[in-house]
Amino acid sequence: MLLKVVEALGHKIDKGKWQTVAKEVPSRTAKQCRERYINHLDPTLKFDWDTHDEAVLFFLFTRYSTKWSVIATMFPRRTDHICKNRIHFLRRKIDKDFKFKLRKFSSPDMANDSDSELSTHSHDNNVKNNMLHKVHKMLKILAAESMSKSFEPKGTFVKLIEVTNNPKMCNRCHFFVPSAQTGKFISASGWCEACTKIPPYVAGDMLRKCLNLRYKTYGMHK
C-alpha cells in the first residue's frame, strides 16, 4: 500500500509531504512511512552484494566503524541501513567460520579466545574489535586454505587469467601478480588468485599479513 501511495505522488516526496502519505497508510506515522520507503521500498535501491563490494565494505568498516552515513556515500544506491545490515551479515559469517574452524582444526590459540570479549569504551567498538579479533585468529588457517588445490574460486572469480608477461597489480591487496603471495593468475575483476580465495572480511593489514603467511607457507613447500 505504501509503495502505491508513493508511486501516485511521483516517488520524489518532499519532507513535508510524508504527512500526506501517512494519511493513506493506516496505523503508520509519517516518519515510519518515510523510513520504510527510503530503506526498503525505493525501487532505485541496490540490495545485492558481490564479493568485491563486501570486501570494500568491510575495509571501510575497519576504518570508519559504525559511521554508516559516511560508509554509504561510497556505495551508490545503498543506504546506511543497507550497509549496516550487510556488516551484521558478515559478523554472523565470521562467527560461523570461527566456530567451524575451531572444531575442525582444534587450535589451542583459537580455543583460548573463542568466547573472549575485548573491553572497549563503547558497544560498537567492542563488536568491531571482537570481529577483527576472530579474523586475526583464523589468519593462518585462511592462508593455508587459500593454497589448497581443492579450494576453487566461485561466483565472479571463476575465470582466472594467467599473467605471463607484464606484472599486474591486484585491485584488492595491491601486490603485483605473479608473486608467491598472490599466485600467477588474476581474475576479470582484477583480483589476484590468492585474494579470490580469501574471505572478504579479511581486510587492510590483516589481508597483507594473510598473504605473507601464504608466502611463508609457499616458501616452506617450494
N, C-alpha and C. Protein backbone atom coordinates (compact mmCIF):
# COMPACT_ATOMS: atom_id res chain seq x y z
N MET A 1 0.82 -1.20 0.00
CA MET A 1 0.00 0.00 0.00
C MET A 1 0.87 1.27 0.00
N LEU A 2 1.91 1.26 0.83
CA LEU A 2 2.79 2.42 0.92
C LEU A 2 3.42 2.74 -0.43
N LEU A 3 3.92 1.69 -1.11
CA LEU A 3 4.57 1.90 -2.40
C LEU A 3 3.60 2.49 -3.42
N LYS A 4 2.36 2.03 -3.40
CA LYS A 4 1.36 2.54 -4.34
C LYS A 4 1.07 4.02 -4.08
N VAL A 5 1.01 4.39 -2.82
CA VAL A 5 0.75 5.79 -2.47
C VAL A 5 1.90 6.67 -2.95
N VAL A 6 3.12 6.22 -2.72
CA VAL A 6 4.30 6.99 -3.14
C VAL A 6 4.36 7.08 -4.66
N GLU A 7 4.07 5.98 -5.34
CA GLU A 7 4.06 5.99 -6.80
C GLU A 7 3.04 6.99 -7.34
N ALA A 8 1.90 7.07 -6.67
CA ALA A 8 0.86 8.00 -7.10
C ALA A 8 1.31 9.45 -6.96
N LEU A 9 2.21 9.69 -6.03
CA LEU A 9 2.72 11.04 -5.80
C LEU A 9 4.00 11.32 -6.59
N GLY A 10 4.45 10.32 -7.35
CA GLY A 10 5.61 10.53 -8.22
C GLY A 10 6.95 10.19 -7.62
N HIS A 11 6.99 9.32 -6.60
CA HIS A 11 8.23 8.84 -5.98
C HIS A 11 9.01 9.91 -5.21
N LYS A 12 9.25 11.06 -5.78
CA LYS A 12 10.02 12.09 -5.08
C LYS A 12 9.12 12.82 -4.09
N ILE A 13 9.29 12.48 -2.82
CA ILE A 13 8.44 13.04 -1.78
C ILE A 13 9.22 14.06 -0.97
N ASP A 14 8.75 15.30 -0.93
CA ASP A 14 9.38 16.30 -0.08
C ASP A 14 9.11 15.97 1.38
N LYS A 15 9.97 16.49 2.24
CA LYS A 15 9.86 16.17 3.67
C LYS A 15 8.47 16.45 4.23
N GLY A 16 7.85 17.53 3.82
CA GLY A 16 6.54 17.88 4.36
C GLY A 16 5.40 17.03 3.86
N LYS A 17 5.63 16.28 2.76
CA LYS A 17 4.55 15.51 2.16
C LYS A 17 4.38 14.11 2.76
N TRP A 18 5.27 13.70 3.64
CA TRP A 18 5.12 12.37 4.24
C TRP A 18 3.91 12.32 5.16
N GLN A 19 3.51 13.46 5.65
CA GLN A 19 2.27 13.51 6.43
C GLN A 19 1.08 13.13 5.54
N THR A 20 1.11 13.59 4.30
CA THR A 20 0.06 13.25 3.34
C THR A 20 0.07 11.76 3.04
N VAL A 21 1.27 11.20 2.90
CA VAL A 21 1.40 9.76 2.64
C VAL A 21 0.84 8.96 3.82
N ALA A 22 1.19 9.37 5.02
CA ALA A 22 0.77 8.65 6.23
C ALA A 22 -0.75 8.59 6.37
N LYS A 23 -1.44 9.58 5.88
CA LYS A 23 -2.90 9.60 5.97
C LYS A 23 -3.53 8.49 5.14
N GLU A 24 -2.78 8.02 4.13
CA GLU A 24 -3.28 6.96 3.26
C GLU A 24 -2.84 5.57 3.71
N VAL A 25 -1.98 5.51 4.74
CA VAL A 25 -1.47 4.23 5.23
C VAL A 25 -1.90 4.06 6.69
N PRO A 26 -2.85 3.17 6.96
CA PRO A 26 -3.39 3.01 8.32
C PRO A 26 -2.31 2.63 9.34
N SER A 27 -2.41 3.23 10.51
CA SER A 27 -1.57 2.88 11.67
C SER A 27 -0.09 3.14 11.45
N ARG A 28 0.25 4.05 10.56
CA ARG A 28 1.66 4.37 10.33
C ARG A 28 1.86 5.88 10.39
N THR A 29 2.95 6.29 11.03
CA THR A 29 3.27 7.71 11.12
C THR A 29 4.03 8.15 9.88
N ALA A 30 4.19 9.45 9.72
CA ALA A 30 4.95 9.99 8.59
C ALA A 30 6.40 9.50 8.64
N LYS A 31 6.98 9.46 9.85
CA LYS A 31 8.36 9.00 10.00
C LYS A 31 8.50 7.54 9.62
N GLN A 32 7.55 6.70 10.05
CA GLN A 32 7.60 5.28 9.72
C GLN A 32 7.48 5.05 8.22
N CYS A 33 6.59 5.80 7.58
CA CYS A 33 6.42 5.68 6.13
C CYS A 33 7.70 6.07 5.39
N ARG A 34 8.28 7.19 5.82
CA ARG A 34 9.50 7.67 5.17
C ARG A 34 10.64 6.67 5.31
N GLU A 35 10.88 6.16 6.52
CA GLU A 35 11.99 5.23 6.75
C GLU A 35 11.77 3.91 6.03
N ARG A 36 10.52 3.46 6.01
CA ARG A 36 10.21 2.20 5.32
C ARG A 36 10.49 2.33 3.82
N TYR A 37 10.09 3.44 3.25
CA TYR A 37 10.29 3.63 1.81
C TYR A 37 11.76 3.83 1.47
N ILE A 38 12.43 4.71 2.21
CA ILE A 38 13.82 5.05 1.91
C ILE A 38 14.75 3.85 2.09
N ASN A 39 14.49 3.01 3.11
CA ASN A 39 15.40 1.91 3.42
C ASN A 39 15.01 0.57 2.79
N HIS A 40 13.76 0.43 2.32
CA HIS A 40 13.32 -0.88 1.84
C HIS A 40 12.58 -0.88 0.51
N LEU A 41 11.76 0.11 0.25
CA LEU A 41 10.86 0.04 -0.90
C LEU A 41 11.27 0.86 -2.11
N ASP A 42 12.16 1.81 -1.94
CA ASP A 42 12.60 2.64 -3.05
C ASP A 42 13.16 1.75 -4.17
N PRO A 43 12.55 1.76 -5.35
CA PRO A 43 12.99 0.86 -6.44
C PRO A 43 14.40 1.13 -6.95
N THR A 44 14.97 2.26 -6.61
CA THR A 44 16.33 2.56 -7.07
C THR A 44 17.40 1.94 -6.17
N LEU A 45 17.00 1.39 -5.03
CA LEU A 45 17.96 0.83 -4.08
C LEU A 45 18.58 -0.46 -4.62
N LYS A 46 19.80 -0.71 -4.20
CA LYS A 46 20.51 -1.92 -4.59
C LYS A 46 20.79 -2.74 -3.32
N PHE A 47 20.22 -3.95 -3.26
CA PHE A 47 20.36 -4.78 -2.07
C PHE A 47 21.36 -5.92 -2.23
N ASP A 48 21.65 -6.31 -3.46
CA ASP A 48 22.56 -7.44 -3.66
C ASP A 48 24.01 -6.99 -3.51
N TRP A 49 24.83 -7.89 -2.99
CA TRP A 49 26.25 -7.62 -2.77
C TRP A 49 27.09 -8.72 -3.41
N ASP A 50 28.11 -8.35 -4.16
CA ASP A 50 29.06 -9.35 -4.62
C ASP A 50 30.28 -9.34 -3.69
N THR A 51 31.19 -10.26 -3.91
CA THR A 51 32.34 -10.41 -3.02
C THR A 51 33.21 -9.16 -3.00
N HIS A 52 33.36 -8.54 -4.15
CA HIS A 52 34.17 -7.32 -4.23
C HIS A 52 33.56 -6.21 -3.37
N ASP A 53 32.25 -6.02 -3.49
CA ASP A 53 31.57 -5.00 -2.70
C ASP A 53 31.71 -5.27 -1.20
N GLU A 54 31.59 -6.55 -0.82
CA GLU A 54 31.70 -6.91 0.59
C GLU A 54 33.10 -6.61 1.12
N ALA A 55 34.11 -6.88 0.31
CA ALA A 55 35.49 -6.62 0.73
C ALA A 55 35.71 -5.11 0.95
N VAL A 56 35.19 -4.30 0.03
CA VAL A 56 35.31 -2.84 0.16
C VAL A 56 34.55 -2.38 1.40
N LEU A 57 33.34 -2.90 1.59
CA LEU A 57 32.52 -2.52 2.74
C LEU A 57 33.22 -2.86 4.05
N PHE A 58 33.79 -4.05 4.14
CA PHE A 58 34.43 -4.43 5.40
C PHE A 58 35.68 -3.61 5.65
N PHE A 59 36.41 -3.29 4.60
CA PHE A 59 37.58 -2.42 4.76
C PHE A 59 37.17 -1.06 5.31
N LEU A 60 36.10 -0.49 4.75
CA LEU A 60 35.60 0.80 5.23
C LEU A 60 35.11 0.70 6.67
N PHE A 61 34.52 -0.43 7.01
CA PHE A 61 34.05 -0.65 8.38
C PHE A 61 35.21 -0.66 9.36
N THR A 62 36.35 -1.24 8.96
CA THR A 62 37.52 -1.25 9.85
C THR A 62 38.08 0.15 10.04
N ARG A 63 37.82 1.04 9.07
CA ARG A 63 38.33 2.41 9.15
C ARG A 63 37.36 3.37 9.83
N TYR A 64 36.08 3.25 9.51
CA TYR A 64 35.09 4.22 9.98
C TYR A 64 34.14 3.66 11.05
N SER A 65 34.32 2.41 11.40
CA SER A 65 33.48 1.77 12.42
C SER A 65 32.00 1.91 12.04
N THR A 66 31.17 2.44 12.93
CA THR A 66 29.73 2.49 12.67
C THR A 66 29.25 3.84 12.13
N LYS A 67 30.12 4.54 11.44
CA LYS A 67 29.70 5.78 10.78
C LYS A 67 29.05 5.41 9.44
N TRP A 68 27.85 4.83 9.55
CA TRP A 68 27.18 4.25 8.39
C TRP A 68 26.89 5.27 7.30
N SER A 69 26.55 6.48 7.68
CA SER A 69 26.24 7.51 6.68
C SER A 69 27.48 7.83 5.85
N VAL A 70 28.66 7.78 6.47
CA VAL A 70 29.91 8.02 5.75
C VAL A 70 30.21 6.85 4.82
N ILE A 71 30.07 5.64 5.33
CA ILE A 71 30.33 4.44 4.54
C ILE A 71 29.39 4.36 3.34
N ALA A 72 28.12 4.71 3.55
CA ALA A 72 27.12 4.61 2.49
C ALA A 72 27.43 5.52 1.31
N THR A 73 28.15 6.61 1.54
CA THR A 73 28.49 7.52 0.43
C THR A 73 29.40 6.85 -0.60
N MET A 74 30.05 5.76 -0.19
CA MET A 74 30.95 5.04 -1.10
C MET A 74 30.19 4.04 -1.97
N PHE A 75 28.90 3.85 -1.69
CA PHE A 75 28.11 2.85 -2.40
C PHE A 75 26.84 3.47 -2.98
N PRO A 76 26.86 3.85 -4.24
CA PRO A 76 25.67 4.41 -4.87
C PRO A 76 24.48 3.45 -4.75
N ARG A 77 23.31 4.01 -4.49
CA ARG A 77 22.05 3.26 -4.40
C ARG A 77 21.97 2.35 -3.17
N ARG A 78 22.87 2.56 -2.22
CA ARG A 78 22.78 1.81 -0.96
C ARG A 78 22.73 2.80 0.20
N THR A 79 21.82 2.57 1.12
CA THR A 79 21.66 3.47 2.26
C THR A 79 22.53 3.02 3.42
N ASP A 80 22.61 3.87 4.45
CA ASP A 80 23.35 3.49 5.65
C ASP A 80 22.74 2.24 6.28
N HIS A 81 21.42 2.11 6.18
CA HIS A 81 20.73 0.94 6.73
C HIS A 81 21.14 -0.34 6.00
N ILE A 82 21.25 -0.28 4.69
CA ILE A 82 21.66 -1.44 3.90
C ILE A 82 23.10 -1.84 4.23
N CYS A 83 23.98 -0.86 4.36
CA CYS A 83 25.39 -1.15 4.71
C CYS A 83 25.49 -1.77 6.09
N LYS A 84 24.74 -1.23 7.03
CA LYS A 84 24.75 -1.76 8.40
C LYS A 84 24.28 -3.21 8.43
N ASN A 85 23.21 -3.51 7.70
CA ASN A 85 22.69 -4.87 7.67
C ASN A 85 23.69 -5.85 7.06
N ARG A 86 24.44 -5.39 6.06
CA ARG A 86 25.42 -6.29 5.44
C ARG A 86 26.57 -6.58 6.38
N ILE A 87 26.97 -5.60 7.16
CA ILE A 87 28.02 -5.85 8.15
C ILE A 87 27.54 -6.86 9.19
N HIS A 88 26.28 -6.78 9.58
CA HIS A 88 25.73 -7.76 10.52
C HIS A 88 25.74 -9.15 9.89
N PHE A 89 25.49 -9.22 8.59
CA PHE A 89 25.58 -10.50 7.87
C PHE A 89 27.01 -11.04 7.92
N LEU A 90 27.99 -10.17 7.68
CA LEU A 90 29.38 -10.60 7.71
C LEU A 90 29.82 -10.98 9.13
N ARG A 91 29.25 -10.30 10.13
CA ARG A 91 29.57 -10.67 11.51
C ARG A 91 29.11 -12.10 11.80
N ARG A 92 27.91 -12.44 11.35
CA ARG A 92 27.42 -13.81 11.54
C ARG A 92 28.27 -14.81 10.77
N LYS A 93 28.75 -14.40 9.58
CA LYS A 93 29.62 -15.25 8.78
C LYS A 93 30.94 -15.50 9.50
N ILE A 94 31.50 -14.48 10.09
CA ILE A 94 32.75 -14.61 10.84
C ILE A 94 32.56 -15.55 12.03
N ASP A 95 31.47 -15.37 12.78
CA ASP A 95 31.19 -16.23 13.92
C ASP A 95 31.05 -17.69 13.49
N LYS A 96 30.35 -17.91 12.40
CA LYS A 96 30.14 -19.27 11.89
C LYS A 96 31.45 -19.90 11.45
N ASP A 97 32.26 -19.15 10.69
CA ASP A 97 33.55 -19.67 10.22
C ASP A 97 34.48 -19.94 11.39
N PHE A 98 34.49 -19.05 12.37
CA PHE A 98 35.37 -19.20 13.52
C PHE A 98 35.03 -20.48 14.29
N LYS A 99 33.75 -20.71 14.55
CA LYS A 99 33.33 -21.91 15.28
C LYS A 99 33.64 -23.18 14.50
N PHE A 100 33.42 -23.11 13.18
CA PHE A 100 33.68 -24.28 12.34
C PHE A 100 35.17 -24.62 12.33
N LYS A 101 36.02 -23.62 12.16
CA LYS A 101 37.45 -23.86 12.10
C LYS A 101 38.00 -24.26 13.47
N LEU A 102 37.38 -23.76 14.53
CA LEU A 102 37.78 -24.15 15.88
C LEU A 102 37.56 -25.64 16.08
N ARG A 103 36.42 -26.14 15.59
CA ARG A 103 36.13 -27.58 15.71
C ARG A 103 37.00 -28.40 14.78
N LYS A 104 37.18 -27.92 13.57
CA LYS A 104 37.89 -28.68 12.55
C LYS A 104 39.38 -28.81 12.83
N PHE A 105 39.99 -27.70 13.25
CA PHE A 105 41.44 -27.70 13.40
C PHE A 105 41.89 -27.80 14.86
N SER A 106 40.95 -27.66 15.80
CA SER A 106 41.26 -27.79 17.24
C SER A 106 42.47 -26.97 17.63
N SER A 107 42.48 -25.71 17.24
CA SER A 107 43.61 -24.84 17.52
C SER A 107 43.53 -24.30 18.94
N PRO A 108 44.53 -24.60 19.80
CA PRO A 108 44.54 -24.06 21.17
C PRO A 108 44.52 -22.54 21.18
N ASP A 109 45.20 -21.94 20.20
CA ASP A 109 45.26 -20.49 20.11
C ASP A 109 43.87 -19.90 19.90
N MET A 110 43.07 -20.58 19.08
CA MET A 110 41.71 -20.13 18.83
C MET A 110 40.80 -20.47 20.01
N ALA A 111 40.99 -21.63 20.60
CA ALA A 111 40.13 -22.07 21.70
C ALA A 111 40.24 -21.15 22.91
N ASN A 112 41.44 -20.67 23.18
CA ASN A 112 41.64 -19.80 24.35
C ASN A 112 40.88 -18.49 24.23
N ASP A 113 40.57 -18.11 22.99
CA ASP A 113 39.91 -16.82 22.78
C ASP A 113 38.54 -16.95 22.15
N SER A 114 38.00 -18.16 22.08
CA SER A 114 36.75 -18.38 21.37
C SER A 114 35.59 -17.60 21.96
N ASP A 115 35.59 -17.40 23.27
CA ASP A 115 34.47 -16.72 23.91
C ASP A 115 34.88 -15.38 24.51
N SER A 116 36.06 -14.91 24.16
CA SER A 116 36.55 -13.68 24.77
C SER A 116 35.87 -12.47 24.16
N GLU A 117 35.73 -11.43 24.96
CA GLU A 117 35.19 -10.15 24.51
C GLU A 117 36.21 -9.07 24.86
N LEU A 118 36.54 -8.25 23.89
CA LEU A 118 37.53 -7.23 24.15
C LEU A 118 36.90 -6.05 24.86
N SER A 119 37.54 -5.56 25.88
CA SER A 119 36.99 -4.45 26.66
C SER A 119 37.31 -3.13 26.00
N THR A 120 36.27 -2.38 25.61
CA THR A 120 36.46 -1.07 24.99
C THR A 120 35.46 -0.10 25.59
N HIS A 121 35.50 1.13 25.13
CA HIS A 121 34.67 2.16 25.72
C HIS A 121 33.26 2.21 25.16
N SER A 122 32.99 1.52 24.06
CA SER A 122 31.65 1.56 23.51
C SER A 122 31.27 0.19 22.96
N HIS A 123 29.96 -0.05 22.93
CA HIS A 123 29.48 -1.33 22.42
C HIS A 123 29.84 -1.51 20.95
N ASP A 124 29.71 -0.44 20.15
CA ASP A 124 30.01 -0.53 18.72
C ASP A 124 31.46 -0.93 18.48
N ASN A 125 32.38 -0.29 19.20
CA ASN A 125 33.79 -0.65 19.05
C ASN A 125 34.05 -2.06 19.53
N ASN A 126 33.34 -2.48 20.56
CA ASN A 126 33.52 -3.82 21.09
C ASN A 126 33.13 -4.86 20.05
N VAL A 127 32.02 -4.62 19.35
CA VAL A 127 31.58 -5.55 18.30
C VAL A 127 32.60 -5.60 17.18
N LYS A 128 33.06 -4.44 16.72
CA LYS A 128 34.04 -4.40 15.64
C LYS A 128 35.34 -5.09 16.04
N ASN A 129 35.85 -4.77 17.22
CA ASN A 129 37.11 -5.34 17.66
C ASN A 129 37.02 -6.85 17.88
N ASN A 130 35.87 -7.31 18.33
CA ASN A 130 35.70 -8.75 18.51
C ASN A 130 35.69 -9.47 17.18
N MET A 131 35.07 -8.84 16.17
CA MET A 131 35.08 -9.41 14.83
C MET A 131 36.51 -9.50 14.30
N LEU A 132 37.26 -8.41 14.44
CA LEU A 132 38.64 -8.38 13.95
C LEU A 132 39.52 -9.36 14.71
N HIS A 133 39.24 -9.51 16.00
CA HIS A 133 40.00 -10.43 16.83
C HIS A 133 39.84 -11.87 16.32
N LYS A 134 38.62 -12.25 15.97
CA LYS A 134 38.37 -13.60 15.47
C LYS A 134 39.01 -13.81 14.10
N VAL A 135 38.93 -12.79 13.25
CA VAL A 135 39.56 -12.88 11.94
C VAL A 135 41.06 -13.08 12.09
N HIS A 136 41.67 -12.33 13.00
CA HIS A 136 43.11 -12.44 13.24
C HIS A 136 43.48 -13.86 13.67
N LYS A 137 42.65 -14.47 14.51
CA LYS A 137 42.92 -15.82 14.99
C LYS A 137 42.81 -16.87 13.88
N MET A 138 42.08 -16.55 12.81
CA MET A 138 41.90 -17.50 11.71
C MET A 138 42.91 -17.33 10.59
N LEU A 139 43.79 -16.33 10.66
CA LEU A 139 44.63 -15.98 9.52
C LEU A 139 45.49 -17.15 9.00
N LYS A 140 46.14 -17.88 9.90
CA LYS A 140 46.99 -18.98 9.46
C LYS A 140 46.20 -20.04 8.71
N ILE A 141 45.00 -20.33 9.21
CA ILE A 141 44.15 -21.32 8.57
C ILE A 141 43.66 -20.81 7.23
N LEU A 142 43.26 -19.56 7.17
CA LEU A 142 42.77 -18.98 5.92
C LEU A 142 43.88 -18.94 4.86
N ALA A 143 45.11 -18.64 5.30
CA ALA A 143 46.24 -18.62 4.37
C ALA A 143 46.49 -20.02 3.81
N ALA A 144 46.43 -21.02 4.69
CA ALA A 144 46.64 -22.40 4.25
C ALA A 144 45.54 -22.85 3.30
N GLU A 145 44.30 -22.49 3.64
CA GLU A 145 43.17 -22.88 2.79
C GLU A 145 43.26 -22.24 1.41
N SER A 146 43.81 -21.03 1.35
CA SER A 146 43.90 -20.34 0.06
C SER A 146 44.88 -21.02 -0.88
N MET A 147 45.72 -21.90 -0.35
CA MET A 147 46.69 -22.62 -1.17
C MET A 147 46.22 -24.02 -1.53
N SER A 148 45.10 -24.42 -0.96
CA SER A 148 44.58 -25.77 -1.22
C SER A 148 44.08 -25.88 -2.66
N LYS A 149 44.47 -26.92 -3.34
CA LYS A 149 44.03 -27.12 -4.72
C LYS A 149 42.54 -27.44 -4.79
N SER A 150 41.99 -27.93 -3.68
CA SER A 150 40.58 -28.28 -3.66
C SER A 150 39.69 -27.05 -3.43
N PHE A 151 40.34 -25.93 -3.10
CA PHE A 151 39.59 -24.69 -2.85
C PHE A 151 39.51 -23.92 -4.16
N GLU A 152 38.33 -23.91 -4.76
CA GLU A 152 38.15 -23.27 -6.05
C GLU A 152 37.41 -21.94 -5.91
N PRO A 153 37.85 -20.91 -6.63
CA PRO A 153 37.13 -19.62 -6.63
C PRO A 153 35.72 -19.79 -7.14
N LYS A 154 34.80 -18.95 -6.64
CA LYS A 154 33.40 -19.05 -7.04
C LYS A 154 32.89 -17.72 -7.55
N GLY A 155 31.67 -17.74 -8.06
CA GLY A 155 31.00 -16.51 -8.48
C GLY A 155 31.72 -15.79 -9.58
N THR A 156 31.98 -14.51 -9.38
CA THR A 156 32.59 -13.67 -10.42
C THR A 156 34.07 -13.97 -10.61
N PHE A 157 34.63 -14.89 -9.80
CA PHE A 157 36.07 -15.16 -9.89
C PHE A 157 36.39 -16.51 -10.54
N VAL A 158 35.38 -17.13 -11.13
CA VAL A 158 35.58 -18.45 -11.70
C VAL A 158 36.64 -18.43 -12.80
N LYS A 159 36.59 -17.42 -13.66
CA LYS A 159 37.53 -17.33 -14.77
C LYS A 159 38.79 -16.59 -14.35
N LEU A 160 39.92 -17.30 -14.33
CA LEU A 160 41.21 -16.69 -13.97
C LEU A 160 42.14 -16.69 -15.17
N ILE A 161 42.88 -15.61 -15.31
CA ILE A 161 43.79 -15.45 -16.45
C ILE A 161 45.23 -15.46 -15.95
N GLU A 162 46.07 -16.26 -16.57
CA GLU A 162 47.48 -16.34 -16.16
C GLU A 162 48.23 -15.10 -16.63
N VAL A 163 49.00 -14.51 -15.71
CA VAL A 163 49.83 -13.35 -16.03
C VAL A 163 51.22 -13.85 -16.37
N THR A 164 51.63 -13.67 -17.61
CA THR A 164 52.91 -14.22 -18.05
C THR A 164 53.95 -13.16 -18.36
N ASN A 165 53.53 -12.02 -18.91
CA ASN A 165 54.50 -11.00 -19.32
C ASN A 165 54.56 -9.83 -18.34
N ASN A 166 53.78 -8.80 -18.59
CA ASN A 166 53.81 -7.62 -17.74
C ASN A 166 53.08 -7.87 -16.42
N PRO A 167 53.74 -7.64 -15.29
CA PRO A 167 53.08 -7.81 -13.99
C PRO A 167 51.87 -6.89 -13.86
N LYS A 168 50.85 -7.37 -13.15
CA LYS A 168 49.64 -6.57 -12.92
C LYS A 168 49.38 -6.45 -11.44
N MET A 169 48.87 -5.29 -11.04
CA MET A 169 48.60 -5.07 -9.62
C MET A 169 47.19 -5.55 -9.27
N CYS A 170 47.08 -6.29 -8.18
CA CYS A 170 45.79 -6.77 -7.71
C CYS A 170 44.97 -5.60 -7.18
N ASN A 171 43.70 -5.53 -7.54
CA ASN A 171 42.83 -4.43 -7.10
C ASN A 171 42.46 -4.52 -5.63
N ARG A 172 42.71 -5.66 -5.01
CA ARG A 172 42.34 -5.81 -3.60
C ARG A 172 43.54 -5.62 -2.67
N CYS A 173 44.58 -6.42 -2.85
CA CYS A 173 45.73 -6.36 -1.93
C CYS A 173 46.82 -5.41 -2.41
N HIS A 174 46.78 -5.04 -3.70
CA HIS A 174 47.75 -4.13 -4.32
C HIS A 174 49.15 -4.73 -4.42
N PHE A 175 49.26 -6.05 -4.30
CA PHE A 175 50.51 -6.74 -4.60
C PHE A 175 50.54 -7.01 -6.11
N PHE A 176 51.76 -7.17 -6.64
CA PHE A 176 51.88 -7.45 -8.06
C PHE A 176 51.75 -8.95 -8.34
N VAL A 177 51.13 -9.25 -9.46
CA VAL A 177 50.95 -10.62 -9.94
C VAL A 177 51.84 -10.80 -11.17
N PRO A 178 52.62 -11.88 -11.25
CA PRO A 178 52.67 -13.02 -10.32
C PRO A 178 53.66 -12.81 -9.18
N SER A 179 53.37 -13.47 -8.07
CA SER A 179 54.29 -13.48 -6.92
C SER A 179 53.90 -14.65 -6.04
N ALA A 180 54.77 -14.95 -5.05
CA ALA A 180 54.47 -16.04 -4.13
C ALA A 180 53.24 -15.74 -3.29
N GLN A 181 53.04 -14.47 -2.97
CA GLN A 181 51.87 -14.09 -2.17
C GLN A 181 50.57 -14.20 -2.95
N THR A 182 50.61 -13.80 -4.22
CA THR A 182 49.37 -13.67 -5.00
C THR A 182 49.04 -14.86 -5.88
N GLY A 183 50.04 -15.66 -6.23
CA GLY A 183 49.83 -16.66 -7.27
C GLY A 183 50.11 -16.05 -8.63
N LYS A 184 49.88 -16.80 -9.69
CA LYS A 184 50.22 -16.30 -11.03
C LYS A 184 49.01 -15.98 -11.90
N PHE A 185 47.82 -16.07 -11.29
CA PHE A 185 46.61 -15.79 -12.05
C PHE A 185 45.91 -14.55 -11.50
N ILE A 186 45.10 -13.91 -12.38
CA ILE A 186 44.31 -12.75 -11.96
C ILE A 186 42.91 -12.90 -12.55
N SER A 187 41.91 -12.43 -11.81
CA SER A 187 40.52 -12.56 -12.26
C SER A 187 40.13 -11.40 -13.16
N ALA A 188 38.98 -11.53 -13.81
CA ALA A 188 38.49 -10.46 -14.68
C ALA A 188 38.21 -9.19 -13.90
N SER A 189 37.93 -9.33 -12.60
CA SER A 189 37.65 -8.16 -11.76
C SER A 189 38.93 -7.51 -11.24
N GLY A 190 40.08 -8.13 -11.55
CA GLY A 190 41.35 -7.53 -11.15
C GLY A 190 41.90 -8.03 -9.83
N TRP A 191 41.30 -9.08 -9.28
CA TRP A 191 41.81 -9.67 -8.03
C TRP A 191 42.80 -10.78 -8.37
N CYS A 192 43.86 -10.87 -7.56
CA CYS A 192 44.81 -11.96 -7.75
C CYS A 192 44.18 -13.28 -7.31
N GLU A 193 44.81 -14.37 -7.70
CA GLU A 193 44.29 -15.70 -7.39
C GLU A 193 44.11 -15.89 -5.88
N ALA A 194 45.07 -15.43 -5.09
CA ALA A 194 45.00 -15.60 -3.63
C ALA A 194 43.81 -14.85 -3.05
N CYS A 195 43.60 -13.61 -3.50
CA CYS A 195 42.51 -12.80 -2.96
C CYS A 195 41.14 -13.38 -3.27
N THR A 196 41.01 -14.10 -4.39
CA THR A 196 39.72 -14.71 -4.71
C THR A 196 39.39 -15.85 -3.76
N LYS A 197 40.40 -16.34 -3.04
CA LYS A 197 40.19 -17.47 -2.13
C LYS A 197 40.17 -17.07 -0.66
N ILE A 198 40.38 -15.79 -0.40
CA ILE A 198 40.38 -15.28 0.98
C ILE A 198 39.09 -14.54 1.23
N PRO A 199 38.37 -14.83 2.32
CA PRO A 199 37.06 -14.20 2.59
C PRO A 199 37.13 -12.68 2.58
N PRO A 200 36.04 -12.03 2.19
CA PRO A 200 36.03 -10.56 2.10
C PRO A 200 36.19 -9.85 3.44
N TYR A 201 36.00 -10.59 4.54
CA TYR A 201 36.15 -9.95 5.86
C TYR A 201 37.60 -9.89 6.33
N VAL A 202 38.53 -10.30 5.48
CA VAL A 202 39.96 -10.11 5.77
C VAL A 202 40.40 -8.86 5.02
N ALA A 203 40.71 -7.81 5.75
CA ALA A 203 40.94 -6.52 5.09
C ALA A 203 42.18 -5.80 5.64
N GLY A 204 42.66 -4.85 4.85
CA GLY A 204 43.75 -3.99 5.30
C GLY A 204 45.02 -4.73 5.68
N ASP A 205 45.55 -4.41 6.84
CA ASP A 205 46.80 -5.01 7.31
C ASP A 205 46.68 -6.52 7.48
N MET A 206 45.49 -6.97 7.89
CA MET A 206 45.32 -8.42 8.09
C MET A 206 45.32 -9.17 6.76
N LEU A 207 44.84 -8.54 5.70
CA LEU A 207 44.90 -9.17 4.39
C LEU A 207 46.35 -9.34 3.96
N ARG A 208 47.13 -8.30 4.14
CA ARG A 208 48.55 -8.39 3.78
C ARG A 208 49.27 -9.42 4.64
N LYS A 209 48.92 -9.49 5.92
CA LYS A 209 49.53 -10.48 6.80
C LYS A 209 49.16 -11.89 6.35
N CYS A 210 47.90 -12.06 5.96
CA CYS A 210 47.46 -13.37 5.47
C CYS A 210 48.22 -13.77 4.22
N LEU A 211 48.43 -12.84 3.32
CA LEU A 211 49.18 -13.13 2.10
C LEU A 211 50.65 -13.42 2.39
N ASN A 212 51.22 -12.74 3.38
CA ASN A 212 52.60 -13.02 3.75
C ASN A 212 52.73 -14.39 4.42
N LEU A 213 51.70 -14.79 5.16
CA LEU A 213 51.69 -16.14 5.72
C LEU A 213 51.62 -17.16 4.60
N ARG A 214 50.88 -16.83 3.58
CA ARG A 214 50.79 -17.69 2.39
C ARG A 214 52.18 -17.81 1.75
N TYR A 215 52.90 -16.69 1.71
CA TYR A 215 54.24 -16.67 1.13
C TYR A 215 55.19 -17.57 1.94
N LYS A 216 55.11 -17.48 3.27
CA LYS A 216 55.97 -18.31 4.11
C LYS A 216 55.67 -19.79 3.90
N THR A 217 54.38 -20.10 3.80
CA THR A 217 53.97 -21.49 3.58
C THR A 217 54.47 -21.96 2.22
N TYR A 218 54.33 -21.07 1.24
CA TYR A 218 54.80 -21.37 -0.11
C TYR A 218 56.29 -21.65 -0.10
N GLY A 219 57.03 -20.81 0.63
CA GLY A 219 58.48 -20.98 0.70
C GLY A 219 58.90 -22.28 1.33
N MET A 220 58.11 -22.72 2.34
CA MET A 220 58.42 -23.97 3.04
C MET A 220 58.18 -25.20 2.16
N HIS A 221 57.19 -25.06 1.23
CA HIS A 221 56.83 -26.21 0.42
C HIS A 221 57.32 -26.11 -1.02
N LYS A 222 58.04 -25.03 -1.29
CA LYS A 222 58.50 -24.84 -2.68
C LYS A 222 59.52 -25.91 -3.06
